């Protein structure tokens, strides 16, 4: 008689890591240099309007919810006016 053929056993899938959201230190600081310029505000507005992708200015998404809202823009304007923390 032939020896029994081993039956493969299922390997449990490794859990998929949850990506950590990017939370900006300074809302609207697209190049992360510690200050917000008029050009960066324009870029944040363009992301808000859907004219540019979020990847062009991730810090425009101040609350890290994967979209730019009017509230995010207010925070970016405040960063421009008052400076970054």
PDB file of N, CA and C in Angstrom:
ATOM      1  N   UNK A   1       0.831  -1.204   0.000  1.00  0.00           N
ATOM      2  CA  UNK A   1       0.000   0.000   0.000  1.00  0.00           C
ATOM      3  C   UNK A   1       0.862   1.249   0.000  1.00  0.00           C
ATOM      4  N   UNK A   2       0.332   2.285  -0.661  1.00  0.00           N
ATOM      5  CA  UNK A   2       1.052   3.561  -0.710  1.00  0.00           C
ATOM      6  C   UNK A   2       0.827   4.329   0.585  1.00  0.00           C
ATOM      7  N   UNK A   3       1.834   5.117   0.980  1.00  0.00           N
ATOM      8  CA  UNK A   3       1.629   5.922   2.198  1.00  0.00           C
ATOM      9  C   UNK A   3       0.590   7.012   1.914  1.00  0.00           C
ATOM     10  N   UNK A   4      -0.138   7.435   2.940  1.00  0.00           N
ATOM     11  CA  UNK A   4      -1.163   8.463   2.719  1.00  0.00           C
ATOM     12  C   UNK A   4      -0.539   9.776   2.268  1.00  0.00           C
ATOM     13  N   UNK A   5      -1.247  10.453   1.376  1.00  0.00           N
ATOM     14  CA  UNK A   5      -0.793  11.748   0.887  1.00  0.00           C
ATOM     15  C   UNK A   5      -1.157  12.800   1.926  1.00  0.00           C
ATOM     16  N   UNK A   6      -0.180  13.615   2.339  1.00  0.00           N
ATOM     17  CA  UNK A   6      -0.501  14.628   3.349  1.00  0.00           C
ATOM     18  C   UNK A   6      -1.497  15.646   2.790  1.00  0.00           C
ATOM     19  N   UNK A   7      -2.419  16.049   3.627  1.00  0.00           N
ATOM     20  CA  UNK A   7      -3.412  17.054   3.248  1.00  0.00           C
ATOM     21  C   UNK A   7      -2.892  18.419   3.663  1.00  0.00           C
ATOM     22  N   UNK A   8      -2.846  19.368   2.711  1.00  0.00           N
ATOM     23  CA  UNK A   8      -2.357  20.697   3.106  1.00  0.00           C
ATOM     24  C   UNK A   8      -3.326  21.346   4.094  1.00  0.00           C
ATOM     25  N   UNK A   9      -2.754  22.037   5.020  1.00  0.00           N
ATOM     26  CA  UNK A   9      -3.588  22.746   5.998  1.00  0.00           C
ATOM     27  C   UNK A   9      -3.583  24.230   5.657  1.00  0.00           C
ATOM     28  N   UNK A  10      -4.683  24.864   5.934  1.00  0.00           N
ATOM     29  CA  UNK A  10      -4.814  26.298   5.646  1.00  0.00           C
ATOM     30  C   UNK A  10      -3.952  27.092   6.607  1.00  0.00           C
ATOM     31  N   UNK A  11      -3.280  28.076   6.047  1.00  0.00           N
ATOM     32  CA  UNK A  11      -2.488  28.990   6.870  1.00  0.00           C
ATOM     33  C   UNK A  11      -3.336  30.231   7.109  1.00  0.00           C
ATOM     34  N   UNK A  12      -3.505  30.605   8.372  1.00  0.00           N
ATOM     35  CA  UNK A  12      -4.332  31.796   8.613  1.00  0.00           C
ATOM     36  C   UNK A  12      -3.704  33.029   7.972  1.00  0.00           C
ATOM     37  N   UNK A  13      -4.565  33.851   7.398  1.00  0.00           N
ATOM     38  CA  UNK A  13      -4.080  35.079   6.790  1.00  0.00           C
ATOM     39  C   UNK A  13      -3.570  36.022   7.866  1.00  0.00           C
ATOM     40  N   UNK A  14      -2.475  36.673   7.539  1.00  0.00           N
ATOM     41  CA  UNK A  14      -1.949  37.673   8.474  1.00  0.00           C
ATOM     42  C   UNK A  14      -2.907  38.864   8.474  1.00  0.00           C
ATOM     43  N   UNK A  15      -3.118  39.468   9.630  1.00  0.00           N
ATOM     44  CA  UNK A  15      -4.019  40.626   9.671  1.00  0.00           C
ATOM     45  C   UNK A  15      -3.463  41.764   8.822  1.00  0.00           C
ATOM     46  N   UNK A  16      -4.347  42.439   8.142  1.00  0.00           N
ATOM     47  CA  UNK A  16      -3.948  43.575   7.316  1.00  0.00           C
ATOM     48  C   UNK A  16      -3.733  44.778   8.228  1.00  0.00           C
ATOM     49  N   UNK A  17      -2.550  45.370   8.183  1.00  0.00           N
ATOM     50  CA  UNK A  17      -2.325  46.519   9.066  1.00  0.00           C
ATOM     51  C   UNK A  17      -3.194  47.700   8.654  1.00  0.00           C
ATOM     52  N   UNK A  18      -3.679  48.395   9.635  1.00  0.00           N
ATOM     53  CA  UNK A  18      -4.473  49.591   9.382  1.00  0.00           C
ATOM     54  C   UNK A  18      -3.519  50.747   9.146  1.00  0.00           C
ATOM     55  N   UNK A  19      -3.653  51.430   8.003  1.00  0.00           N
ATOM     56  CA  UNK A  19      -2.732  52.546   7.755  1.00  0.00           C
ATOM     57  C   UNK A  19      -2.952  53.667   8.757  1.00  0.00           C
ATOM     58  N   UNK A  20      -1.862  54.266   9.168  1.00  0.00           N
ATOM     59  CA  UNK A  20      -1.931  55.393  10.088  1.00  0.00           C
ATOM     60  C   UNK A  20      -2.222  56.646   9.275  1.00  0.00           C
ATOM     61  N   UNK A  21      -3.269  57.394   9.651  1.00  0.00           N
ATOM     62  CA  UNK A  21      -3.570  58.600   8.875  1.00  0.00           C
ATOM     63  C   UNK A  21      -2.476  59.651   9.047  1.00  0.00           C
ATOM     64  N   UNK A  22      -2.255  60.396   8.000  1.00  0.00           N
ATOM     65  CA  UNK A  22      -1.299  61.499   8.052  1.00  0.00           C
ATOM     66  C   UNK A  22      -1.987  62.675   8.728  1.00  0.00           C
ATOM     67  N   UNK A  23      -1.497  63.075   9.877  1.00  0.00           N
ATOM     68  CA  UNK A  23      -2.060  64.218  10.589  1.00  0.00           C
ATOM     69  C   UNK A  23      -1.012  65.328  10.540  1.00  0.00           C
ATOM     70  N   UNK A  24      -1.327  66.404   9.829  1.00  0.00           N
ATOM     71  CA  UNK A  24      -0.319  67.450   9.664  1.00  0.00           C
ATOM     72  C   UNK A  24      -0.048  68.214  10.951  1.00  0.00           C
ATOM     73  N   UNK A  25       1.194  68.637  11.105  1.00  0.00           N
ATOM     74  CA  UNK A  25       1.549  69.491  12.238  1.00  0.00           C
ATOM     75  C   UNK A  25       1.038  70.905  12.006  1.00  0.00           C
ATOM     76  N   UNK A  26       0.948  71.282  10.736  1.00  0.00           N
ATOM     77  CA  UNK A  26       0.521  72.635  10.381  1.00  0.00           C
ATOM     78  C   UNK A  26      -0.410  72.544   9.180  1.00  0.00           C
ATOM     79  N   UNK A  27      -1.682  72.844   9.398  1.00  0.00           N
ATOM     80  CA  UNK A  27      -2.677  72.751   8.323  1.00  0.00           C
ATOM     81  C   UNK A  27      -2.293  73.660   7.161  1.00  0.00           C
ATOM     82  N   UNK A  28      -2.255  73.110   5.957  1.00  0.00           N
ATOM     83  CA  UNK A  28      -1.970  73.887   4.760  1.00  0.00           C
ATOM     84  C   UNK A  28      -0.501  73.997   4.399  1.00  0.00           C
ATOM     85  N   UNK A  29       0.379  73.469   5.217  1.00  0.00           N
ATOM     86  CA  UNK A  29       1.816  73.531   4.948  1.00  0.00           C
ATOM     87  C   UNK A  29       2.194  72.385   4.011  1.00  0.00           C
ATOM     88  N   UNK A  30       1.920  72.560   2.729  1.00  0.00           N
ATOM     89  CA  UNK A  30       2.069  71.490   1.735  1.00  0.00           C
ATOM     90  C   UNK A  30       3.471  70.903   1.674  1.00  0.00           C
ATOM     91  N   UNK A  31       4.488  71.727   1.805  1.00  0.00           N
ATOM     92  CA  UNK A  31       5.866  71.222   1.709  1.00  0.00           C
ATOM     93  C   UNK A  31       6.481  70.938   3.080  1.00  0.00           C
ATOM     94  N   UNK A  32       5.681  71.078   4.138  1.00  0.00           N
ATOM     95  CA  UNK A  32       6.079  70.737   5.507  1.00  0.00           C
ATOM     96  C   UNK A  32       7.370  71.437   5.934  1.00  0.00           C
ATOM     97  N   UNK A  33       7.474  72.731   5.595  1.00  0.00           N
ATOM     98  CA  UNK A  33       8.661  73.481   6.001  1.00  0.00           C
ATOM     99  C   UNK A  33       8.400  74.377   7.211  1.00  0.00           C
ATOM    100  N   UNK A  34       7.206  74.286   7.798  1.00  0.00           N
ATOM    101  CA  UNK A  34       6.920  75.037   9.012  1.00  0.00           C
ATOM    102  C   UNK A  34       6.190  76.347   8.801  1.00  0.00           C
ATOM    103  N   UNK A  35       5.799  76.654   7.564  1.00  0.00           N
ATOM    104  CA  UNK A  35       5.030  77.870   7.313  1.00  0.00           C
ATOM    105  C   UNK A  35       4.103  77.647   6.115  1.00  0.00           C
ATOM    106  N   UNK A  36       3.071  78.478   6.030  1.00  0.00           N
ATOM    107  CA  UNK A  36       2.099  78.382   4.943  1.00  0.00           C
ATOM    108  C   UNK A  36       2.209  79.632   4.084  1.00  0.00           C
ATOM    109  N   UNK A  37       2.331  79.436   2.786  1.00  0.00           N
ATOM    110  CA  UNK A  37       2.439  80.546   1.842  1.00  0.00           C
ATOM    111  C   UNK A  37       1.122  80.708   1.079  1.00  0.00           C
ATOM    112  N   UNK A  38       1.007  81.811   0.356  1.00  0.00           N
ATOM    113  CA  UNK A  38      -0.168  82.025  -0.499  1.00  0.00           C
ATOM    114  C   UNK A  38      -0.281  80.887  -1.520  1.00  0.00           C
ATOM    115  N   UNK A  39       0.838  80.473  -2.088  1.00  0.00           N
ATOM    116  CA  UNK A  39       0.825  79.377  -3.060  1.00  0.00           C
ATOM    117  C   UNK A  39       0.290  78.086  -2.456  1.00  0.00           C
ATOM    118  N   UNK A  40       0.638  77.826  -1.208  1.00  0.00           N
ATOM    119  CA  UNK A  40       0.138  76.620  -0.547  1.00  0.00           C
ATOM    120  C   UNK A  40      -1.361  76.742  -0.269  1.00  0.00           C
ATOM    121  N   UNK A  41      -1.822  77.937   0.069  1.00  0.00           N
ATOM    122  CA  UNK A  41      -3.264  78.141   0.245  1.00  0.00           C
ATOM    123  C   UNK A  41      -3.992  77.893  -1.075  1.00  0.00           C
ATOM    124  N   UNK A  42      -3.424  78.390  -2.173  1.00  0.00           N
ATOM    125  CA  UNK A  42      -4.029  78.152  -3.481  1.00  0.00           C
ATOM    126  C   UNK A  42      -4.094  76.661  -3.794  1.00  0.00           C
ATOM    127  N   UNK A  43      -3.038  75.951  -3.472  1.00  0.00           N
ATOM    128  CA  UNK A  43      -3.013  74.511  -3.715  1.00  0.00           C
ATOM    129  C   UNK A  43      -4.083  73.820  -2.871  1.00  0.00           C
ATOM    130  N   UNK A  44      -4.223  74.220  -1.602  1.00  0.00           N
ATOM    131  CA  UNK A  44      -5.243  73.634  -0.727  1.00  0.00           C
ATOM    132  C   UNK A  44      -6.644  73.896  -1.275  1.00  0.00           C
ATOM    133  N   UNK A  45      -6.874  75.090  -1.780  1.00  0.00           N
ATOM    134  CA  UNK A  45      -8.178  75.418  -2.382  1.00  0.00           C
ATOM    135  C   UNK A  45      -8.421  74.557  -3.619  1.00  0.00           C
ATOM    136  N   UNK A  46      -7.394  74.368  -4.429  1.00  0.00           N
ATOM    137  CA  UNK A  46      -7.534  73.519  -5.613  1.00  0.00           C
ATOM    138  C   UNK A  46      -7.855  72.077  -5.238  1.00  0.00           C
ATOM    139  N   UNK A  47      -7.281  71.590  -4.138  1.00  0.00           N
ATOM    140  CA  UNK A  47      -7.620  70.245  -3.659  1.00  0.00           C
ATOM    141  C   UNK A  47      -9.081  70.221  -3.224  1.00  0.00           C
ATOM    142  N   UNK A  48      -9.504  71.239  -2.492  1.00  0.00           N
ATOM    143  CA  UNK A  48     -10.895  71.361  -2.050  1.00  0.00           C
ATOM    144  C   UNK A  48     -11.848  71.344  -3.245  1.00  0.00           C
ATOM    145  N   UNK A  49     -11.488  72.042  -4.313  1.00  0.00           N
ATOM    146  CA  UNK A  49     -12.333  72.132  -5.505  1.00  0.00           C
ATOM    147  C   UNK A  49     -12.236  70.904  -6.413  1.00  0.00           C
ATOM    148  N   UNK A  50     -11.319  69.995  -6.087  1.00  0.00           N
ATOM    149  CA  UNK A  50     -11.152  68.798  -6.901  1.00  0.00           C
ATOM    150  C   UNK A  50     -10.297  69.008  -8.131  1.00  0.00           C
ATOM    151  N   UNK A  51      -9.567  70.127  -8.183  1.00  0.00           N
ATOM    152  CA  UNK A  51      -8.722  70.423  -9.327  1.00  0.00           C
ATOM    153  C   UNK A  51      -7.338  69.803  -9.205  1.00  0.00           C
ATOM    154  N   UNK A  52      -6.956  69.434  -7.988  1.00  0.00           N
ATOM    155  CA  UNK A  52      -5.687  68.765  -7.738  1.00  0.00           C
ATOM    156  C   UNK A  52      -5.950  67.620  -6.773  1.00  0.00           C
ATOM    157  N   UNK A  53      -5.122  66.576  -6.829  1.00  0.00           N
ATOM    158  CA  UNK A  53      -5.316  65.455  -5.901  1.00  0.00           C
ATOM    159  C   UNK A  53      -4.849  65.816  -4.493  1.00  0.00           C
ATOM    160  N   UNK A  54      -5.404  65.137  -3.523  1.00  0.00           N
ATOM    161  CA  UNK A  54      -5.007  65.356  -2.132  1.00  0.00           C
ATOM    162  C   UNK A  54      -3.514  65.134  -1.938  1.00  0.00           C
ATOM    163  N   UNK A  55      -2.932  64.237  -2.720  1.00  0.00           N
ATOM    164  CA  UNK A  55      -1.501  63.954  -2.593  1.00  0.00           C
ATOM    165  C   UNK A  55      -0.634  65.176  -2.892  1.00  0.00           C
ATOM    166  N   UNK A  56      -1.173  66.179  -3.577  1.00  0.00           N
ATOM    167  CA  UNK A  56      -0.401  67.381  -3.874  1.00  0.00           C
ATOM    168  C   UNK A  56      -0.250  68.281  -2.654  1.00  0.00           C
ATOM    169  N   UNK A  57      -1.118  68.099  -1.667  1.00  0.00           N
ATOM    170  CA  UNK A  57      -1.016  68.873  -0.414  1.00  0.00           C
ATOM    171  C   UNK A  57      -1.757  68.126   0.679  1.00  0.00           C
ATOM    172  N   UNK A  58      -1.127  67.078   1.185  1.00  0.00           N
ATOM    173  CA  UNK A  58      -1.775  66.248   2.211  1.00  0.00           C
ATOM    174  C   UNK A  58      -2.124  67.043   3.460  1.00  0.00           C
ATOM    175  N   UNK A  59      -1.339  68.059   3.779  1.00  0.00           N
ATOM    176  CA  UNK A  59      -1.609  68.825   4.997  1.00  0.00           C
ATOM    177  C   UNK A  59      -2.826  69.734   4.863  1.00  0.00           C
ATOM    178  N   UNK A  60      -3.394  69.845   3.651  1.00  0.00           N
ATOM    179  CA  UNK A  60      -4.642  70.591   3.499  1.00  0.00           C
ATOM    180  C   UNK A  60      -5.783  69.860   4.202  1.00  0.00           C
ATOM    181  N   UNK A  61      -5.650  68.560   4.379  1.00  0.00           N
ATOM    182  CA  UNK A  61      -6.632  67.739   5.087  1.00  0.00           C
ATOM    183  C   UNK A  61      -6.290  67.753   6.576  1.00  0.00           C
ATOM    184  N   UNK A  62      -6.619  68.843   7.242  1.00  0.00           N
ATOM    185  CA  UNK A  62      -6.200  69.059   8.630  1.00  0.00           C
ATOM    186  C   UNK A  62      -6.732  68.014   9.597  1.00  0.00           C
ATOM    187  N   UNK A  63      -7.915  67.465   9.329  1.00  0.00           N
ATOM    188  CA  UNK A  63      -8.484  66.487  10.252  1.00  0.00           C
ATOM    189  C   UNK A  63      -8.262  65.041   9.804  1.00  0.00           C
ATOM    190  N   UNK A  64      -7.457  64.854   8.786  1.00  0.00           N
ATOM    191  CA  UNK A  64      -7.031  63.529   8.316  1.00  0.00           C
ATOM    192  C   UNK A  64      -8.197  62.601   8.009  1.00  0.00           C
ATOM    193  N   UNK A  65      -9.240  63.122   7.337  1.00  0.00           N
ATOM    194  CA  UNK A  65     -10.369  62.267   6.977  1.00  0.00           C
ATOM    195  C   UNK A  65     -10.395  61.975   5.471  1.00  0.00           C
ATOM    196  N   UNK A  66      -9.276  62.198   4.806  1.00  0.00           N
ATOM    197  CA  UNK A  66      -9.090  61.905   3.385  1.00  0.00           C
ATOM    198  C   UNK A  66      -9.867  62.824   2.439  1.00  0.00           C
ATOM    199  N   UNK A  67     -10.235  63.996   2.909  1.00  0.00           N
ATOM    200  CA  UNK A  67     -10.839  65.006   2.045  1.00  0.00           C
ATOM    201  C   UNK A  67     -10.594  66.378   2.661  1.00  0.00           C
ATOM    202  N   UNK A  68     -10.675  67.399   1.829  1.00  0.00           N
ATOM    203  CA  UNK A  68     -10.475  68.767   2.311  1.00  0.00           C
ATOM    204  C   UNK A  68     -11.838  69.444   2.397  1.00  0.00           C
ATOM    205  N   UNK A  69     -12.154  69.939   3.581  1.00  0.00           N
ATOM    206  CA  UNK A  69     -13.432  70.612   3.817  1.00  0.00           C
ATOM    207  C   UNK A  69     -13.188  72.110   3.996  1.00  0.00           C
ATOM    208  N   UNK A  70     -14.284  72.856   4.073  1.00  0.00           N
ATOM    209  CA  UNK A  70     -14.173  74.292   4.329  1.00  0.00           C
ATOM    210  C   UNK A  70     -13.482  74.529   5.668  1.00  0.00           C
ATOM    211  N   UNK A  71     -13.762  73.691   6.650  1.00  0.00           N
ATOM    212  CA  UNK A  71     -13.103  73.810   7.953  1.00  0.00           C
ATOM    213  C   UNK A  71     -11.602  73.610   7.863  1.00  0.00           C
ATOM    214  N   UNK A  72     -11.175  72.678   7.013  1.00  0.00           N
ATOM    215  CA  UNK A  72      -9.741  72.465   6.798  1.00  0.00           C
ATOM    216  C   UNK A  72      -9.109  73.718   6.201  1.00  0.00           C
ATOM    217  N   UNK A  73      -9.829  74.359   5.264  1.00  0.00           N
ATOM    218  CA  UNK A  73      -9.310  75.587   4.648  1.00  0.00           C
ATOM    219  C   UNK A  73      -9.200  76.711   5.669  1.00  0.00           C
ATOM    220  N   UNK A  74     -10.166  76.810   6.566  1.00  0.00           N
ATOM    221  CA  UNK A  74     -10.097  77.828   7.631  1.00  0.00           C
ATOM    222  C   UNK A  74      -8.853  77.596   8.477  1.00  0.00           C
ATOM    223  N   UNK A  75      -8.571  76.336   8.802  1.00  0.00           N
ATOM    224  CA  UNK A  75      -7.367  76.036   9.589  1.00  0.00           C
ATOM    225  C   UNK A  75      -6.103  76.413   8.822  1.00  0.00           C
ATOM    226  N   UNK A  76      -6.103  76.170   7.515  1.00  0.00           N
ATOM    227  CA  UNK A  76      -4.936  76.531   6.696  1.00  0.00           C
ATOM    228  C   UNK A  76      -4.756  78.043   6.671  1.00  0.00           C
ATOM    229  N   UNK A  77      -5.852  78.793   6.538  1.00  0.00           N
ATOM    230  CA  UNK A  77      -5.764  80.260   6.555  1.00  0.00           C
ATOM    231  C   UNK A  77      -5.247  80.735   7.910  1.00  0.00           C
ATOM    232  N   UNK A  78      -5.709  80.125   8.978  1.00  0.00           N
ATOM    233  CA  UNK A  78      -5.207  80.492  10.306  1.00  0.00           C
ATOM    234  C   UNK A  78      -3.718  80.196  10.440  1.00  0.00           C
ATOM    235  N   UNK A  79      -3.270  79.092   9.862  1.00  0.00           N
ATOM    236  CA  UNK A  79      -1.831  78.780   9.879  1.00  0.00           C
ATOM    237  C   UNK A  79      -1.055  79.845   9.108  1.00  0.00           C
ATOM    238  N   UNK A  80      -1.630  80.318   8.009  1.00  0.00           N
ATOM    239  CA  UNK A  80      -0.994  81.368   7.219  1.00  0.00           C
ATOM    240  C   UNK A  80      -0.926  82.665   8.034  1.00  0.00           C
ATOM    241  N   UNK A  81      -2.020  83.042   8.644  1.00  0.00           N
ATOM    242  CA  UNK A  81      -2.099  84.314   9.378  1.00  0.00           C
ATOM    243  C   UNK A  81      -1.317  84.292  10.691  1.00  0.00           C
ATOM    244  N   UNK A  82      -1.448  83.186  11.438  1.00  0.00           N
ATOM    245  CA  UNK A  82      -0.906  83.152  12.798  1.00  0.00           C
ATOM    246  C   UNK A  82       0.416  82.396  12.898  1.00  0.00           C
ATOM    247  N   UNK A  83       0.758  81.675  11.853  1.00  0.00           N
ATOM    248  CA  UNK A  83       1.977  80.868  11.889  1.00  0.00           C
ATOM    249  C   UNK A  83       1.681  79.456  12.338  1.00  0.00           C
ATOM    250  N   UNK A  84       2.624  78.608  12.124  1.00  0.00           N
ATOM    251  CA  UNK A  84       2.502  77.194  12.503  1.00  0.00           C
ATOM    252  C   UNK A  84       2.953  76.998  13.941  1.00  0.00           C
ATOM    253  N   UNK A  85       2.397  75.974  14.583  1.00  0.00           N
ATOM    254  CA  UNK A  85       2.808  75.710  15.974  1.00  0.00           C
ATOM    255  C   UNK A  85       4.261  75.291  16.079  1.00  0.00           C
TER     256      UNK A  85
END
